[in-house]
Amino acid sequence: MIEDGPFRIIVDKVLEHEDGGATYTFDMDHAATQSMAQYGLQLILLCAAYGVDIQDAFDSIRTLTKKEEDDRDGAPT
């Protein structure tokens, strides 16, 4: 079960790479570590149950966010 209440995740370091990517280092308290592990496991189990590739799930979330931005801007979908 995921704990109720706030938890803390802080971006500690960002190392930018020449190829445009970056490496991030996070500082998380114990509650955040537990919650992230539980959310990750829930995502994996849901993807497995519905036969969805995890990368497809992430891509779908990105598509939804892009669609919402386009709808706010009045751009055609």
Protein backbone atom coordinates (compact mmCIF):
# COMPACT_ATOMS: atom_id res chain seq x y z
CA MET A 1 0.00 0.00 0.00
CA ILE A 2 1.25 3.47 -0.86
CA GLU A 3 1.58 5.80 2.12
CA ASP A 4 -0.72 8.79 2.30
CA GLY A 5 0.91 12.15 2.62
CA PRO A 6 3.69 14.03 0.92
CA PHE A 7 7.08 12.64 0.08
CA ARG A 8 10.19 14.38 -1.18
CA ILE A 9 12.03 13.96 -4.47
CA ILE A 10 14.71 16.55 -5.23
CA VAL A 11 16.74 16.79 -8.43
CA ASP A 12 20.22 16.85 -6.92
CA LYS A 13 22.44 16.99 -10.05
CA VAL A 14 21.95 17.35 -13.78
CA LEU A 15 24.77 16.39 -16.12
CA GLU A 16 24.02 17.44 -19.70
CA HIS A 17 25.53 15.43 -22.54
CA GLU A 18 26.67 16.62 -25.96
CA ASP A 19 24.03 14.44 -27.66
CA GLY A 20 21.24 16.45 -25.99
CA GLY A 21 20.55 13.86 -23.28
CA ALA A 22 21.16 14.26 -19.59
CA THR A 23 21.89 12.23 -16.48
CA TYR A 24 19.88 13.15 -13.41
CA THR A 25 20.69 12.36 -9.78
CA PHE A 26 17.80 12.46 -7.30
CA ASP A 27 17.65 12.80 -3.54
CA MET A 28 14.59 10.99 -2.16
CA ASP A 29 13.41 10.36 1.36
CA HIS A 30 12.36 6.87 2.48
CA ALA A 31 8.66 7.46 1.77
CA ALA A 32 9.48 8.57 -1.78
CA THR A 33 11.65 5.51 -2.39
CA GLN A 34 8.89 3.19 -1.22
CA SER A 35 6.21 5.01 -3.21
CA MET A 36 8.25 5.03 -6.42
CA ALA A 37 8.94 1.29 -6.11
CA GLN A 38 5.23 0.61 -5.54
CA TYR A 39 4.13 2.86 -8.43
CA GLY A 40 6.67 1.20 -10.71
CA LEU A 41 5.49 -2.26 -9.74
CA GLN A 42 1.87 -1.23 -10.26
CA LEU A 43 2.73 0.09 -13.75
CA ILE A 44 4.52 -3.12 -14.67
CA LEU A 45 1.65 -5.30 -13.42
CA LEU A 46 -0.99 -3.23 -15.22
CA CYS A 47 0.98 -3.36 -18.46
CA ALA A 48 1.38 -7.13 -18.10
CA ALA A 49 -2.31 -7.62 -17.32
CA TYR A 50 -3.41 -5.64 -20.38
CA GLY A 51 -0.63 -6.84 -22.68
CA VAL A 52 0.84 -3.35 -23.13
CA ASP A 53 4.56 -2.80 -23.62
CA ILE A 54 5.91 -0.44 -20.94
CA GLN A 55 7.48 1.85 -23.56
CA ASP A 56 4.10 2.05 -25.33
CA ALA A 57 2.51 3.11 -22.02
CA PHE A 58 5.07 5.91 -21.60
CA ASP A 59 4.63 6.97 -25.24
CA SER A 60 0.85 7.05 -24.75
CA ILE A 61 1.22 9.35 -21.73
CA ARG A 62 3.45 11.67 -23.77
CA THR A 63 0.86 11.68 -26.58
CA LEU A 64 -1.92 12.57 -24.13
CA THR A 65 0.11 15.45 -22.74
CA LYS A 66 0.88 16.74 -26.25
CA LYS A 67 -2.82 16.50 -27.19
CA GLU A 68 -3.82 18.49 -24.09
CA GLU A 69 -1.28 21.20 -24.96
CA ASP A 70 -2.54 21.35 -28.54
CA ASP A 71 -6.16 21.59 -27.33
CA ARG A 72 -5.27 24.55 -25.09
CA ASP A 73 -3.43 26.28 -27.94
CA GLY A 74 -6.27 25.69 -30.37
CA ALA A 75 -4.06 23.66 -32.69
CA PRO A 76 -5.78 21.00 -34.79
CA THR A 77 -5.41 17.40 -33.60
